Amino acid sequence: MKKAFPKWTLYLGLILLYVLHNDLWLWNDSTLVFGLPAGLAYHFGFSIVTAVLMLLLVTYAWPKHLEVEEEGGREQ
């Protein structure tokens, strides 16, 4: 499989999302965005970005040793 992203960029994305999760700058903002309060609209977009990052992490940064099946595993 071709590597599209270096692992460090994905990990940097995790750190960035961790910092951006608490949107202190929108707590007192009563502006409506698409009919939603600004903070709720922000977290809606934040959730979409987080889901995409998790997809990229599972696709490109998943540890390969977790996919190796043990010999003599469970017999069914």
PDB file of N, CA and C in Angstrom:
ATOM      1  N   MET A   1       0.836  -1.174   0.000  1.00  0.00           N
ATOM      2  CA  MET A   1       0.000   0.000   0.000  1.00  0.00           C
ATOM      3  C   MET A   1       0.889   1.248   0.000  1.00  0.00           C
ATOM      4  N   LYS A   2       0.528   2.179  -0.825  1.00  0.00           N
ATOM      5  CA  LYS A   2       1.289   3.416  -0.931  1.00  0.00           C
ATOM      6  C   LYS A   2       0.973   4.332   0.250  1.00  0.00           C
ATOM      7  N   LYS A   3       2.010   4.919   0.820  1.00  0.00           N
ATOM      8  CA  LYS A   3       1.808   5.826   1.947  1.00  0.00           C
ATOM      9  C   LYS A   3       1.473   7.210   1.415  1.00  0.00           C
ATOM     10  N   ALA A   4       0.303   7.707   1.784  1.00  0.00           N
ATOM     11  CA  ALA A   4      -0.117   9.019   1.325  1.00  0.00           C
ATOM     12  C   ALA A   4       0.283  10.110   2.312  1.00  0.00           C
ATOM     13  N   PHE A   5       0.346   9.769   3.592  1.00  0.00           N
ATOM     14  CA  PHE A   5       0.659  10.747   4.624  1.00  0.00           C
ATOM     15  C   PHE A   5       1.751  10.195   5.531  1.00  0.00           C
ATOM     16  N   PRO A   6       2.753  11.005   5.835  1.00  0.00           N
ATOM     17  CA  PRO A   6       3.696  10.559   6.883  1.00  0.00           C
ATOM     18  C   PRO A   6       2.948  10.499   8.219  1.00  0.00           C
ATOM     19  N   LYS A   7       3.295   9.535   9.051  1.00  0.00           N
ATOM     20  CA  LYS A   7       2.591   9.363  10.327  1.00  0.00           C
ATOM     21  C   LYS A   7       2.666  10.617  11.191  1.00  0.00           C
ATOM     22  N   TRP A   8       3.778  11.321  11.141  1.00  0.00           N
ATOM     23  CA  TRP A   8       3.922  12.487  12.014  1.00  0.00           C
ATOM     24  C   TRP A   8       2.905  13.569  11.672  1.00  0.00           C
ATOM     25  N   THR A   9       2.501  13.685  10.392  1.00  0.00           N
ATOM     26  CA  THR A   9       1.494  14.699  10.048  1.00  0.00           C
ATOM     27  C   THR A   9       0.136  14.330  10.629  1.00  0.00           C
ATOM     28  N   LEU A  10      -0.170  13.031  10.660  1.00  0.00           N
ATOM     29  CA  LEU A  10      -1.437  12.596  11.244  1.00  0.00           C
ATOM     30  C   LEU A  10      -1.442  12.814  12.752  1.00  0.00           C
ATOM     31  N   TYR A  11      -0.300  12.521  13.393  1.00  0.00           N
ATOM     32  CA  TYR A  11      -0.197  12.750  14.834  1.00  0.00           C
ATOM     33  C   TYR A  11      -0.252  14.239  15.164  1.00  0.00           C
ATOM     34  N   LEU A  12       0.323  15.060  14.306  1.00  0.00           N
ATOM     35  CA  LEU A  12       0.236  16.511  14.480  1.00  0.00           C
ATOM     36  C   LEU A  12      -1.223  16.964  14.359  1.00  0.00           C
ATOM     37  N   GLY A  13      -1.961  16.338  13.451  1.00  0.00           N
ATOM     38  CA  GLY A  13      -3.388  16.629  13.320  1.00  0.00           C
ATOM     39  C   GLY A  13      -4.151  16.295  14.584  1.00  0.00           C
ATOM     40  N   LEU A  14      -3.783  15.195  15.244  1.00  0.00           N
ATOM     41  CA  LEU A  14      -4.423  14.844  16.516  1.00  0.00           C
ATOM     42  C   LEU A  14      -4.187  15.916  17.569  1.00  0.00           C
ATOM     43  N   ILE A  15      -2.948  16.383  17.648  1.00  0.00           N
ATOM     44  CA  ILE A  15      -2.619  17.426  18.628  1.00  0.00           C
ATOM     45  C   ILE A  15      -3.386  18.705  18.312  1.00  0.00           C
ATOM     46  N   LEU A  16      -3.452  19.054  17.040  1.00  0.00           N
ATOM     47  CA  LEU A  16      -4.181  20.256  16.639  1.00  0.00           C
ATOM     48  C   LEU A  16      -5.662  20.146  16.992  1.00  0.00           C
ATOM     49  N   LEU A  17      -6.272  18.995  16.736  1.00  0.00           N
ATOM     50  CA  LEU A  17      -7.684  18.820  17.084  1.00  0.00           C
ATOM     51  C   LEU A  17      -7.905  18.851  18.588  1.00  0.00           C
ATOM     52  N   TYR A  18      -6.943  18.333  19.336  1.00  0.00           N
ATOM     53  CA  TYR A  18      -7.041  18.390  20.794  1.00  0.00           C
ATOM     54  C   TYR A  18      -7.065  19.838  21.279  1.00  0.00           C
ATOM     55  N   VAL A  19      -6.224  20.666  20.696  1.00  0.00           N
ATOM     56  CA  VAL A  19      -6.163  22.080  21.088  1.00  0.00           C
ATOM     57  C   VAL A  19      -7.434  22.813  20.651  1.00  0.00           C
ATOM     58  N   LEU A  20      -7.933  22.507  19.463  1.00  0.00           N
ATOM     59  CA  LEU A  20      -9.102  23.211  18.927  1.00  0.00           C
ATOM     60  C   LEU A  20     -10.429  22.693  19.481  1.00  0.00           C
ATOM     61  N   HIS A  21     -10.409  21.615  20.242  1.00  0.00           N
ATOM     62  CA  HIS A  21     -11.667  21.035  20.717  1.00  0.00           C
ATOM     63  C   HIS A  21     -12.450  21.991  21.603  1.00  0.00           C
ATOM     64  N   ASN A  22     -11.798  22.631  22.540  1.00  0.00           N
ATOM     65  CA  ASN A  22     -12.489  23.581  23.415  1.00  0.00           C
ATOM     66  C   ASN A  22     -12.481  24.948  22.758  1.00  0.00           C
ATOM     67  N   ASP A  23     -13.614  25.292  22.202  1.00  0.00           N
ATOM     68  CA  ASP A  23     -13.727  26.557  21.472  1.00  0.00           C
ATOM     69  C   ASP A  23     -14.107  27.691  22.423  1.00  0.00           C
ATOM     70  N   LEU A  24     -13.163  28.122  23.205  1.00  0.00           N
ATOM     71  CA  LEU A  24     -13.424  29.178  24.185  1.00  0.00           C
ATOM     72  C   LEU A  24     -13.865  30.477  23.532  1.00  0.00           C
ATOM     73  N   TRP A  25     -13.485  30.704  22.295  1.00  0.00           N
ATOM     74  CA  TRP A  25     -13.808  31.941  21.606  1.00  0.00           C
ATOM     75  C   TRP A  25     -15.264  31.995  21.139  1.00  0.00           C
ATOM     76  N   LEU A  26     -16.012  30.896  21.206  1.00  0.00           N
ATOM     77  CA  LEU A  26     -17.411  30.899  20.756  1.00  0.00           C
ATOM     78  C   LEU A  26     -18.417  30.747  21.889  1.00  0.00           C
ATOM     79  N   TRP A  27     -17.964  30.704  23.124  1.00  0.00           N
ATOM     80  CA  TRP A  27     -18.885  30.468  24.225  1.00  0.00           C
ATOM     81  C   TRP A  27     -19.953  31.553  24.357  1.00  0.00           C
ATOM     82  N   ASN A  28     -19.597  32.774  24.138  1.00  0.00           N
ATOM     83  CA  ASN A  28     -20.545  33.883  24.315  1.00  0.00           C
ATOM     84  C   ASN A  28     -21.020  34.458  22.989  1.00  0.00           C
ATOM     85  N   ASP A  29     -20.818  33.732  21.903  1.00  0.00           N
ATOM     86  CA  ASP A  29     -21.223  34.209  20.572  1.00  0.00           C
ATOM     87  C   ASP A  29     -22.634  33.713  20.273  1.00  0.00           C
ATOM     88  N   SER A  30     -23.552  34.644  20.057  1.00  0.00           N
ATOM     89  CA  SER A  30     -24.942  34.269  19.784  1.00  0.00           C
ATOM     90  C   SER A  30     -25.262  34.292  18.286  1.00  0.00           C
ATOM     91  N   THR A  31     -24.250  34.370  17.454  1.00  0.00           N
ATOM     92  CA  THR A  31     -24.446  34.384  16.009  1.00  0.00           C
ATOM     93  C   THR A  31     -25.001  33.047  15.540  1.00  0.00           C
ATOM     94  N   LEU A  32     -25.912  33.098  14.566  1.00  0.00           N
ATOM     95  CA  LEU A  32     -26.454  31.878  13.987  1.00  0.00           C
ATOM     96  C   LEU A  32     -25.728  31.559  12.683  1.00  0.00           C
ATOM     97  N   VAL A  33     -25.335  30.301  12.531  1.00  0.00           N
ATOM     98  CA  VAL A  33     -24.681  29.818  11.317  1.00  0.00           C
ATOM     99  C   VAL A  33     -25.529  28.675  10.785  1.00  0.00           C
ATOM    100  N   PHE A  34     -26.118  28.846   9.608  1.00  0.00           N
ATOM    101  CA  PHE A  34     -27.044  27.860   9.041  1.00  0.00           C
ATOM    102  C   PHE A  34     -28.158  27.523  10.022  1.00  0.00           C
ATOM    103  N   GLY A  35     -28.605  28.505  10.778  1.00  0.00           N
ATOM    104  CA  GLY A  35     -29.693  28.317  11.724  1.00  0.00           C
ATOM    105  C   GLY A  35     -29.278  27.702  13.048  1.00  0.00           C
ATOM    106  N   LEU A  36     -27.996  27.449  13.244  1.00  0.00           N
ATOM    107  CA  LEU A  36     -27.486  26.871  14.488  1.00  0.00           C
ATOM    108  C   LEU A  36     -26.620  27.891  15.207  1.00  0.00           C
ATOM    109  N   PRO A  37     -26.574  27.840  16.526  1.00  0.00           N
ATOM    110  CA  PRO A  37     -25.634  28.705  17.244  1.00  0.00           C
ATOM    111  C   PRO A  37     -24.204  28.422  16.766  1.00  0.00           C
ATOM    112  N   ALA A  38     -23.371  29.447  16.797  1.00  0.00           N
ATOM    113  CA  ALA A  38     -22.016  29.333  16.252  1.00  0.00           C
ATOM    114  C   ALA A  38     -21.232  28.191  16.887  1.00  0.00           C
ATOM    115  N   GLY A  39     -21.346  28.012  18.196  1.00  0.00           N
ATOM    116  CA  GLY A  39     -20.625  26.939  18.872  1.00  0.00           C
ATOM    117  C   GLY A  39     -21.060  25.560  18.415  1.00  0.00           C
ATOM    118  N   LEU A  40     -22.362  25.375  18.197  1.00  0.00           N
ATOM    119  CA  LEU A  40     -22.875  24.092  17.736  1.00  0.00           C
ATOM    120  C   LEU A  40     -22.448  23.826  16.293  1.00  0.00           C
ATOM    121  N   ALA A  41     -22.499  24.845  15.457  1.00  0.00           N
ATOM    122  CA  ALA A  41     -22.051  24.698  14.070  1.00  0.00           C
ATOM    123  C   ALA A  41     -20.558  24.367  14.033  1.00  0.00           C
ATOM    124  N   TYR A  42     -19.780  24.994  14.918  1.00  0.00           N
ATOM    125  CA  TYR A  42     -18.352  24.711  14.996  1.00  0.00           C
ATOM    126  C   TYR A  42     -18.119  23.240  15.341  1.00  0.00           C
ATOM    127  N   HIS A  43     -18.838  22.727  16.321  1.00  0.00           N
ATOM    128  CA  HIS A  43     -18.644  21.338  16.725  1.00  0.00           C
ATOM    129  C   HIS A  43     -19.185  20.358  15.696  1.00  0.00           C
ATOM    130  N   PHE A  44     -20.152  20.765  14.917  1.00  0.00           N
ATOM    131  CA  PHE A  44     -20.620  19.937  13.807  1.00  0.00           C
ATOM    132  C   PHE A  44     -19.488  19.761  12.795  1.00  0.00           C
ATOM    133  N   GLY A  45     -18.865  20.858  12.407  1.00  0.00           N
ATOM    134  CA  GLY A  45     -17.726  20.796  11.488  1.00  0.00           C
ATOM    135  C   GLY A  45     -16.541  20.085  12.112  1.00  0.00           C
ATOM    136  N   PHE A  46     -16.309  20.334  13.385  1.00  0.00           N
ATOM    137  CA  PHE A  46     -15.212  19.692  14.108  1.00  0.00           C
ATOM    138  C   PHE A  46     -15.382  18.169  14.094  1.00  0.00           C
ATOM    139  N   SER A  47     -16.597  17.693  14.274  1.00  0.00           N
ATOM    140  CA  SER A  47     -16.866  16.253  14.276  1.00  0.00           C
ATOM    141  C   SER A  47     -16.586  15.634  12.910  1.00  0.00           C
ATOM    142  N   ILE A  48     -16.911  16.341  11.853  1.00  0.00           N
ATOM    143  CA  ILE A  48     -16.637  15.837  10.503  1.00  0.00           C
ATOM    144  C   ILE A  48     -15.130  15.748  10.269  1.00  0.00           C
ATOM    145  N   VAL A  49     -14.393  16.794  10.651  1.00  0.00           N
ATOM    146  CA  VAL A  49     -12.937  16.792  10.489  1.00  0.00           C
ATOM    147  C   VAL A  49     -12.315  15.677  11.329  1.00  0.00           C
ATOM    148  N   THR A  50     -12.812  15.468  12.539  1.00  0.00           N
ATOM    149  CA  THR A  50     -12.299  14.407  13.401  1.00  0.00           C
ATOM    150  C   THR A  50     -12.539  13.034  12.785  1.00  0.00           C
ATOM    151  N   ALA A  51     -13.708  12.819  12.210  1.00  0.00           N
ATOM    152  CA  ALA A  51     -14.009  11.532  11.578  1.00  0.00           C
ATOM    153  C   ALA A  51     -13.074  11.273  10.396  1.00  0.00           C
ATOM    154  N   VAL A  52     -12.795  12.298   9.606  1.00  0.00           N
ATOM    155  CA  VAL A  52     -11.878  12.146   8.472  1.00  0.00           C
ATOM    156  C   VAL A  52     -10.473  11.832   8.972  1.00  0.00           C
ATOM    157  N   LEU A  53     -10.023  12.523  10.025  1.00  0.00           N
ATOM    158  CA  LEU A  53      -8.692  12.246  10.570  1.00  0.00           C
ATOM    159  C   LEU A  53      -8.617  10.824  11.120  1.00  0.00           C
ATOM    160  N   MET A  54      -9.656  10.361  11.783  1.00  0.00           N
ATOM    161  CA  MET A  54      -9.648   8.995  12.304  1.00  0.00           C
ATOM    162  C   MET A  54      -9.598   7.979  11.158  1.00  0.00           C
ATOM    163  N   LEU A  55     -10.290   8.248  10.068  1.00  0.00           N
ATOM    164  CA  LEU A  55     -10.222   7.373   8.901  1.00  0.00           C
ATOM    165  C   LEU A  55      -8.797   7.321   8.352  1.00  0.00           C
ATOM    166  N   LEU A  56      -8.147   8.476   8.271  1.00  0.00           N
ATOM    167  CA  LEU A  56      -6.764   8.515   7.791  1.00  0.00           C
ATOM    168  C   LEU A  56      -5.818   7.794   8.753  1.00  0.00           C
ATOM    169  N   LEU A  57      -6.032   7.962  10.050  1.00  0.00           N
ATOM    170  CA  LEU A  57      -5.190   7.269  11.031  1.00  0.00           C
ATOM    171  C   LEU A  57      -5.325   5.753  10.923  1.00  0.00           C
ATOM    172  N   VAL A  58      -6.546   5.267  10.789  1.00  0.00           N
ATOM    173  CA  VAL A  58      -6.759   3.829  10.681  1.00  0.00           C
ATOM    174  C   VAL A  58      -6.187   3.302   9.367  1.00  0.00           C
ATOM    175  N   THR A  59      -6.290   4.079   8.306  1.00  0.00           N
ATOM    176  CA  THR A  59      -5.809   3.643   7.006  1.00  0.00           C
ATOM    177  C   THR A  59      -4.288   3.654   6.911  1.00  0.00           C
ATOM    178  N   TYR A  60      -3.636   4.704   7.431  1.00  0.00           N
ATOM    179  CA  TYR A  60      -2.206   4.881   7.192  1.00  0.00           C
ATOM    180  C   TYR A  60      -1.316   4.720   8.417  1.00  0.00           C
ATOM    181  N   ALA A  61      -1.846   4.754   9.630  1.00  0.00           N
ATOM    182  CA  ALA A  61      -0.989   4.702  10.811  1.00  0.00           C
ATOM    183  C   ALA A  61      -1.316   3.526  11.733  1.00  0.00           C
ATOM    184  N   TRP A  62      -2.174   2.629  11.298  1.00  0.00           N
ATOM    185  CA  TRP A  62      -2.547   1.486  12.124  1.00  0.00           C
ATOM    186  C   TRP A  62      -1.344   0.561  12.258  1.00  0.00           C
ATOM    187  N   PRO A  63      -1.025   0.111  13.483  1.00  0.00           N
ATOM    188  CA  PRO A  63       0.125  -0.784  13.666  1.00  0.00           C
ATOM    189  C   PRO A  63      -0.090  -2.115  12.929  1.00  0.00           C
ATOM    190  N   LYS A  64       0.875  -2.488  12.114  1.00  0.00           N
ATOM    191  CA  LYS A  64       0.749  -3.714  11.303  1.00  0.00           C
ATOM    192  C   LYS A  64       0.756  -4.974  12.166  1.00  0.00           C
ATOM    193  N   HIS A  65       1.441  -4.948  13.304  1.00  0.00           N
ATOM    194  CA  HIS A  65       1.514  -6.152  14.130  1.00  0.00           C
ATOM    195  C   HIS A  65       0.165  -6.538  14.738  1.00  0.00           C
ATOM    196  N   LEU A  66      -0.790  -5.630  14.743  1.00  0.00           N
ATOM    197  CA  LEU A  66      -2.111  -5.961  15.277  1.00  0.00           C
ATOM    198  C   LEU A  66      -2.942  -6.766  14.285  1.00  0.00           C
ATOM    199  N   GLU A  67      -2.531  -6.769  13.019  1.00  0.00           N
ATOM    200  CA  GLU A  67      -3.280  -7.483  11.984  1.00  0.00           C
ATOM    201  C   GLU A  67      -2.775  -8.909  11.767  1.00  0.00           C
ATOM    202  N   VAL A  68      -1.654  -9.263  12.366  1.00  0.00           N
ATOM    203  CA  VAL A  68      -1.081 -10.601  12.184  1.00  0.00           C
ATOM    204  C   VAL A  68      -1.830 -11.586  13.072  1.00  0.00           C
ATOM    205  N   GLU A  69      -2.343 -12.647  12.461  1.00  0.00           N
ATOM    206  CA  GLU A  69      -3.059 -13.660  13.241  1.00  0.00           C
ATOM    207  C   GLU A  69      -2.044 -14.635  13.828  1.00  0.00           C
ATOM    208  N   GLU A  70      -2.316 -15.083  15.023  1.00  0.00           N
ATOM    209  CA  GLU A  70      -1.434 -16.037  15.688  1.00  0.00           C
ATOM    210  C   GLU A  70      -1.651 -17.419  15.107  1.00  0.00           C
ATOM    211  N   GLU A  71      -0.558 -18.190  15.031  1.00  0.00           N
ATOM    212  CA  GLU A  71      -0.681 -19.569  14.575  1.00  0.00           C
ATOM    213  C   GLU A  71      -1.324 -20.397  15.692  1.00  0.00           C
ATOM    214  N   GLY A  72      -2.144 -21.347  15.302  1.00  0.00           N
ATOM    215  CA  GLY A  72      -2.800 -22.201  16.290  1.00  0.00           C
ATOM    216  C   GLY A  72      -3.829 -21.437  17.089  1.00  0.00           C
ATOM    217  N   GLY A  73      -4.479 -20.510  16.431  1.00  0.00           N
ATOM    218  CA  GLY A  73      -5.496 -19.702  17.103  1.00  0.00           C
ATOM    219  C   GLY A  73      -6.704 -20.540  17.488  1.00  0.00           C
ATOM    220  N   ARG A  74      -7.759 -19.881  17.820  1.00  0.00           N
ATOM    221  CA  ARG A  74      -8.965 -20.573  18.249  1.00  0.00           C
ATOM    222  C   ARG A  74      -9.526 -21.447  17.143  1.00  0.00           C
ATOM    223  N   GLU A  75      -9.946 -22.629  17.510  1.00  0.00           N
ATOM    224  CA  GLU A  75     -10.583 -23.519  16.564  1.00  0.00           C
ATOM    225  C   GLU A  75     -12.083 -23.446  16.789  1.00  0.00           C
ATOM    226  N   GLN A  76     -12.798 -23.334  15.701  1.00  0.00           N
ATOM    227  CA  GLN A  76     -14.253 -23.209  15.833  1.00  0.00           C
ATOM    228  C   GLN A  76     -14.946 -24.409  15.254  1.00  0.00           C
TER     229      GLN A  76
END
